[in-house]
Amino acid sequence: MQLRESEKMPRVINKKIRLLRWLNSGMILPFIIMAASSSIILYGVLFILIK
């Protein structure tokens, strides 16, 4: 059981690193940050209006 887990871990980490590199290579990461912040602001405004 432990051997399988130790084998899986580096693969998962490699996938995450690859994903981060792919995100940083383009303008995708700043776009995601902008979209997230704008949606948070919208939800905040809606929450204030509902209250």
PDB file of N, CA and C in Angstrom:
ATOM      1  N   MET A   1       0.832  -1.203   0.000  1.00  0.00           N
ATOM      2  CA  MET A   1       0.000   0.000   0.000  1.00  0.00           C
ATOM      3  C   MET A   1       0.870   1.257   0.000  1.00  0.00           C
ATOM      4  N   GLN A   2       1.871   1.283   0.876  1.00  0.00           N
ATOM      5  CA  GLN A   2       2.751   2.465   0.972  1.00  0.00           C
ATOM      6  C   GLN A   2       3.595   2.633  -0.291  1.00  0.00           C
ATOM      7  N   LEU A   3       4.026   1.524  -0.875  1.00  0.00           N
ATOM      8  CA  LEU A   3       4.827   1.594  -2.096  1.00  0.00           C
ATOM      9  C   LEU A   3       4.028   2.240  -3.227  1.00  0.00           C
ATOM     10  N   ARG A   4       2.770   1.850  -3.367  1.00  0.00           N
ATOM     11  CA  ARG A   4       1.922   2.419  -4.416  1.00  0.00           C
ATOM     12  C   ARG A   4       1.744   3.922  -4.217  1.00  0.00           C
ATOM     13  N   GLU A   5       1.526   4.330  -2.981  1.00  0.00           N
ATOM     14  CA  GLU A   5       1.341   5.751  -2.666  1.00  0.00           C
ATOM     15  C   GLU A   5       2.602   6.549  -2.993  1.00  0.00           C
ATOM     16  N   SER A   6       3.765   6.001  -2.631  1.00  0.00           N
ATOM     17  CA  SER A   6       5.028   6.700  -2.880  1.00  0.00           C
ATOM     18  C   SER A   6       5.318   6.793  -4.385  1.00  0.00           C
ATOM     19  N   GLU A   7       4.834   5.818  -5.144  1.00  0.00           N
ATOM     20  CA  GLU A   7       4.998   5.857  -6.604  1.00  0.00           C
ATOM     21  C   GLU A   7       4.068   6.888  -7.238  1.00  0.00           C
ATOM     22  N   LYS A   8       2.866   7.006  -6.694  1.00  0.00           N
ATOM     23  CA  LYS A   8       1.875   7.924  -7.252  1.00  0.00           C
ATOM     24  C   LYS A   8       2.239   9.386  -6.992  1.00  0.00           C
ATOM     25  N   MET A   9       2.766   9.678  -5.822  1.00  0.00           N
ATOM     26  CA  MET A   9       3.017  11.063  -5.415  1.00  0.00           C
ATOM     27  C   MET A   9       3.848  11.865  -6.421  1.00  0.00           C
ATOM     28  N   PRO A  10       5.027  11.386  -6.840  1.00  0.00           N
ATOM     29  CA  PRO A  10       5.829  12.189  -7.795  1.00  0.00           C
ATOM     30  C   PRO A  10       5.087  12.473  -9.099  1.00  0.00           C
ATOM     31  N   ARG A  11       4.274  11.530  -9.546  1.00  0.00           N
ATOM     32  CA  ARG A  11       3.510  11.717 -10.787  1.00  0.00           C
ATOM     33  C   ARG A  11       2.521  12.866 -10.633  1.00  0.00           C
ATOM     34  N   VAL A  12       1.834  12.894  -9.500  1.00  0.00           N
ATOM     35  CA  VAL A  12       0.855  13.953  -9.220  1.00  0.00           C
ATOM     36  C   VAL A  12       1.559  15.303  -9.165  1.00  0.00           C
ATOM     37  N   ILE A  13       2.706  15.355  -8.491  1.00  0.00           N
ATOM     38  CA  ILE A  13       3.486  16.596  -8.363  1.00  0.00           C
ATOM     39  C   ILE A  13       3.940  17.060  -9.751  1.00  0.00           C
ATOM     40  N   ASN A  14       4.413  16.125 -10.576  1.00  0.00           N
ATOM     41  CA  ASN A  14       4.844  16.458 -11.938  1.00  0.00           C
ATOM     42  C   ASN A  14       3.697  17.037 -12.755  1.00  0.00           C
ATOM     43  N   LYS A  15       2.512  16.458 -12.606  1.00  0.00           N
ATOM     44  CA  LYS A  15       1.336  16.963 -13.322  1.00  0.00           C
ATOM     45  C   LYS A  15       1.025  18.386 -12.897  1.00  0.00           C
ATOM     46  N   LYS A  16       1.103  18.649 -11.588  1.00  0.00           N
ATOM     47  CA  LYS A  16       0.827  19.985 -11.060  1.00  0.00           C
ATOM     48  C   LYS A  16       1.850  20.988 -11.585  1.00  0.00           C
ATOM     49  N   ILE A  17       3.125  20.608 -11.608  1.00  0.00           N
ATOM     50  CA  ILE A  17       4.197  21.489 -12.094  1.00  0.00           C
ATOM     51  C   ILE A  17       3.980  21.783 -13.581  1.00  0.00           C
ATOM     52  N   ARG A  18       3.632  20.747 -14.342  1.00  0.00           N
ATOM     53  CA  ARG A  18       3.368  20.922 -15.778  1.00  0.00           C
ATOM     54  C   ARG A  18       2.211  21.876 -15.997  1.00  0.00           C
ATOM     55  N   LEU A  19       1.141  21.717 -15.203  1.00  0.00           N
ATOM     56  CA  LEU A  19      -0.035  22.576 -15.307  1.00  0.00           C
ATOM     57  C   LEU A  19       0.337  24.017 -14.993  1.00  0.00           C
ATOM     58  N   LEU A  20       1.135  24.225 -13.935  1.00  0.00           N
ATOM     59  CA  LEU A  20       1.566  25.575 -13.552  1.00  0.00           C
ATOM     60  C   LEU A  20       2.412  26.203 -14.648  1.00  0.00           C
ATOM     61  N   ARG A  21       3.327  25.412 -15.228  1.00  0.00           N
ATOM     62  CA  ARG A  21       4.173  25.917 -16.331  1.00  0.00           C
ATOM     63  C   ARG A  21       3.315  26.302 -17.523  1.00  0.00           C
ATOM     64  N   TRP A  22       2.309  25.474 -17.843  1.00  0.00           N
ATOM     65  CA  TRP A  22       1.416  25.739 -18.970  1.00  0.00           C
ATOM     66  C   TRP A  22       0.611  27.003 -18.717  1.00  0.00           C
ATOM     67  N   LEU A  23       0.155  27.193 -17.470  1.00  0.00           N
ATOM     68  CA  LEU A  23      -0.614  28.389 -17.118  1.00  0.00           C
ATOM     69  C   LEU A  23       0.255  29.639 -17.207  1.00  0.00           C
ATOM     70  N   ASN A  24       1.501  29.541 -16.721  1.00  0.00           N
ATOM     71  CA  ASN A  24       2.398  30.694 -16.722  1.00  0.00           C
ATOM     72  C   ASN A  24       2.914  31.031 -18.121  1.00  0.00           C
ATOM     73  N   SER A  25       2.908  30.052 -19.027  1.00  0.00           N
ATOM     74  CA  SER A  25       3.442  30.275 -20.378  1.00  0.00           C
ATOM     75  C   SER A  25       2.615  31.302 -21.148  1.00  0.00           C
ATOM     76  N   GLY A  26       1.301  31.325 -20.918  1.00  0.00           N
ATOM     77  CA  GLY A  26       0.435  32.270 -21.624  1.00  0.00           C
ATOM     78  C   GLY A  26      -0.132  33.331 -20.705  1.00  0.00           C
ATOM     79  N   MET A  27      -1.198  33.973 -21.186  1.00  0.00           N
ATOM     80  CA  MET A  27      -1.893  34.982 -20.374  1.00  0.00           C
ATOM     81  C   MET A  27      -3.099  34.349 -19.679  1.00  0.00           C
ATOM     82  N   ILE A  28      -3.045  33.021 -19.492  1.00  0.00           N
ATOM     83  CA  ILE A  28      -4.176  32.288 -18.921  1.00  0.00           C
ATOM     84  C   ILE A  28      -4.280  32.558 -17.418  1.00  0.00           C
ATOM     85  N   LEU A  29      -3.140  32.515 -16.724  1.00  0.00           N
ATOM     86  CA  LEU A  29      -3.144  32.692 -15.262  1.00  0.00           C
ATOM     87  C   LEU A  29      -3.677  34.066 -14.850  1.00  0.00           C
ATOM     88  N   PRO A  30      -3.183  35.174 -15.434  1.00  0.00           N
ATOM     89  CA  PRO A  30      -3.746  36.489 -15.084  1.00  0.00           C
ATOM     90  C   PRO A  30      -5.234  36.586 -15.402  1.00  0.00           C
ATOM     91  N   PHE A  31      -5.663  35.944 -16.488  1.00  0.00           N
ATOM     92  CA  PHE A  31      -7.082  35.949 -16.870  1.00  0.00           C
ATOM     93  C   PHE A  31      -7.929  35.248 -15.815  1.00  0.00           C
ATOM     94  N   ILE A  32      -7.426  34.104 -15.304  1.00  0.00           N
ATOM     95  CA  ILE A  32      -8.137  33.353 -14.258  1.00  0.00           C
ATOM     96  C   ILE A  32      -8.238  34.204 -12.998  1.00  0.00           C
ATOM     97  N   ILE A  33      -7.140  34.879 -12.630  1.00  0.00           N
ATOM     98  CA  ILE A  33      -7.126  35.732 -11.432  1.00  0.00           C
ATOM     99  C   ILE A  33      -8.137  36.868 -11.603  1.00  0.00           C
ATOM    100  N   MET A  34      -8.158  37.489 -12.781  1.00  0.00           N
ATOM    101  CA  MET A  34      -9.102  38.575 -13.067  1.00  0.00           C
ATOM    102  C   MET A  34     -10.543  38.084 -12.987  1.00  0.00           C
ATOM    103  N   ALA A  35     -10.811  36.931 -13.585  1.00  0.00           N
ATOM    104  CA  ALA A  35     -12.164  36.357 -13.578  1.00  0.00           C
ATOM    105  C   ALA A  35     -12.603  36.042 -12.149  1.00  0.00           C
ATOM    106  N   ALA A  36     -11.706  35.457 -11.359  1.00  0.00           N
ATOM    107  CA  ALA A  36     -12.022  35.104  -9.972  1.00  0.00           C
ATOM    108  C   ALA A  36     -12.320  36.351  -9.152  1.00  0.00           C
ATOM    109  N   SER A  37     -11.469  37.375  -9.278  1.00  0.00           N
ATOM    110  CA  SER A  37     -11.660  38.610  -8.501  1.00  0.00           C
ATOM    111  C   SER A  37     -12.956  39.311  -8.902  1.00  0.00           C
ATOM    112  N   SER A  38     -13.254  39.354 -10.192  1.00  0.00           N
ATOM    113  CA  SER A  38     -14.483  40.010 -10.659  1.00  0.00           C
ATOM    114  C   SER A  38     -15.723  39.265 -10.162  1.00  0.00           C
ATOM    115  N   SER A  39     -15.665  37.926 -10.176  1.00  0.00           N
ATOM    116  CA  SER A  39     -16.803  37.133  -9.694  1.00  0.00           C
ATOM    117  C   SER A  39     -16.989  37.319  -8.194  1.00  0.00           C
ATOM    118  N   ILE A  40     -15.878  37.406  -7.439  1.00  0.00           N
ATOM    119  CA  ILE A  40     -15.949  37.639  -5.989  1.00  0.00           C
ATOM    120  C   ILE A  40     -16.601  38.994  -5.715  1.00  0.00           C
ATOM    121  N   ILE A  41     -16.208  40.016  -6.482  1.00  0.00           N
ATOM    122  CA  ILE A  41     -16.779  41.372  -6.318  1.00  0.00           C
ATOM    123  C   ILE A  41     -18.282  41.331  -6.624  1.00  0.00           C
ATOM    124  N   LEU A  42     -18.659  40.647  -7.710  1.00  0.00           N
ATOM    125  CA  LEU A  42     -20.074  40.531  -8.083  1.00  0.00           C
ATOM    126  C   LEU A  42     -20.881  39.847  -6.986  1.00  0.00           C
ATOM    127  N   TYR A  43     -20.340  38.737  -6.449  1.00  0.00           N
ATOM    128  CA  TYR A  43     -21.026  38.025  -5.372  1.00  0.00           C
ATOM    129  C   TYR A  43     -21.145  38.898  -4.128  1.00  0.00           C
ATOM    130  N   GLY A  44     -20.103  39.668  -3.849  1.00  0.00           N
ATOM    131  CA  GLY A  44     -20.124  40.586  -2.705  1.00  0.00           C
ATOM    132  C   GLY A  44     -21.219  41.627  -2.843  1.00  0.00           C
ATOM    133  N   VAL A  45     -21.337  42.216  -4.042  1.00  0.00           N
ATOM    134  CA  VAL A  45     -22.378  43.224  -4.316  1.00  0.00           C
ATOM    135  C   VAL A  45     -23.763  42.598  -4.166  1.00  0.00           C
ATOM    136  N   LEU A  46     -23.936  41.402  -4.730  1.00  0.00           N
ATOM    137  CA  LEU A  46     -25.217  40.689  -4.625  1.00  0.00           C
ATOM    138  C   LEU A  46     -25.568  40.402  -3.168  1.00  0.00           C
ATOM    139  N   PHE A  47     -24.574  39.965  -2.406  1.00  0.00           N
ATOM    140  CA  PHE A  47     -24.778  39.648  -0.986  1.00  0.00           C
ATOM    141  C   PHE A  47     -25.222  40.889  -0.216  1.00  0.00           C
ATOM    142  N   ILE A  48     -24.588  42.031  -0.514  1.00  0.00           N
ATOM    143  CA  ILE A  48     -24.934  43.301   0.149  1.00  0.00           C
ATOM    144  C   ILE A  48     -26.363  43.711  -0.239  1.00  0.00           C
ATOM    145  N   LEU A  49     -26.703  43.558  -1.523  1.00  0.00           N
ATOM    146  CA  LEU A  49     -28.046  43.917  -2.004  1.00  0.00           C
ATOM    147  C   LEU A  49     -29.128  43.044  -1.357  1.00  0.00           C
ATOM    148  N   ILE A  50     -28.838  41.742  -1.221  1.00  0.00           N
ATOM    149  CA  ILE A  50     -29.799  40.803  -0.616  1.00  0.00           C
ATOM    150  C   ILE A  50     -30.013  41.149   0.865  1.00  0.00           C
ATOM    151  N   LYS A  51     -28.938  41.482   1.549  1.00  0.00           N
ATOM    152  CA  LYS A  51     -29.025  41.867   2.962  1.00  0.00           C
ATOM    153  C   LYS A  51     -29.848  43.136   3.092  1.00  0.00           C
TER     154      LYS A  51
END
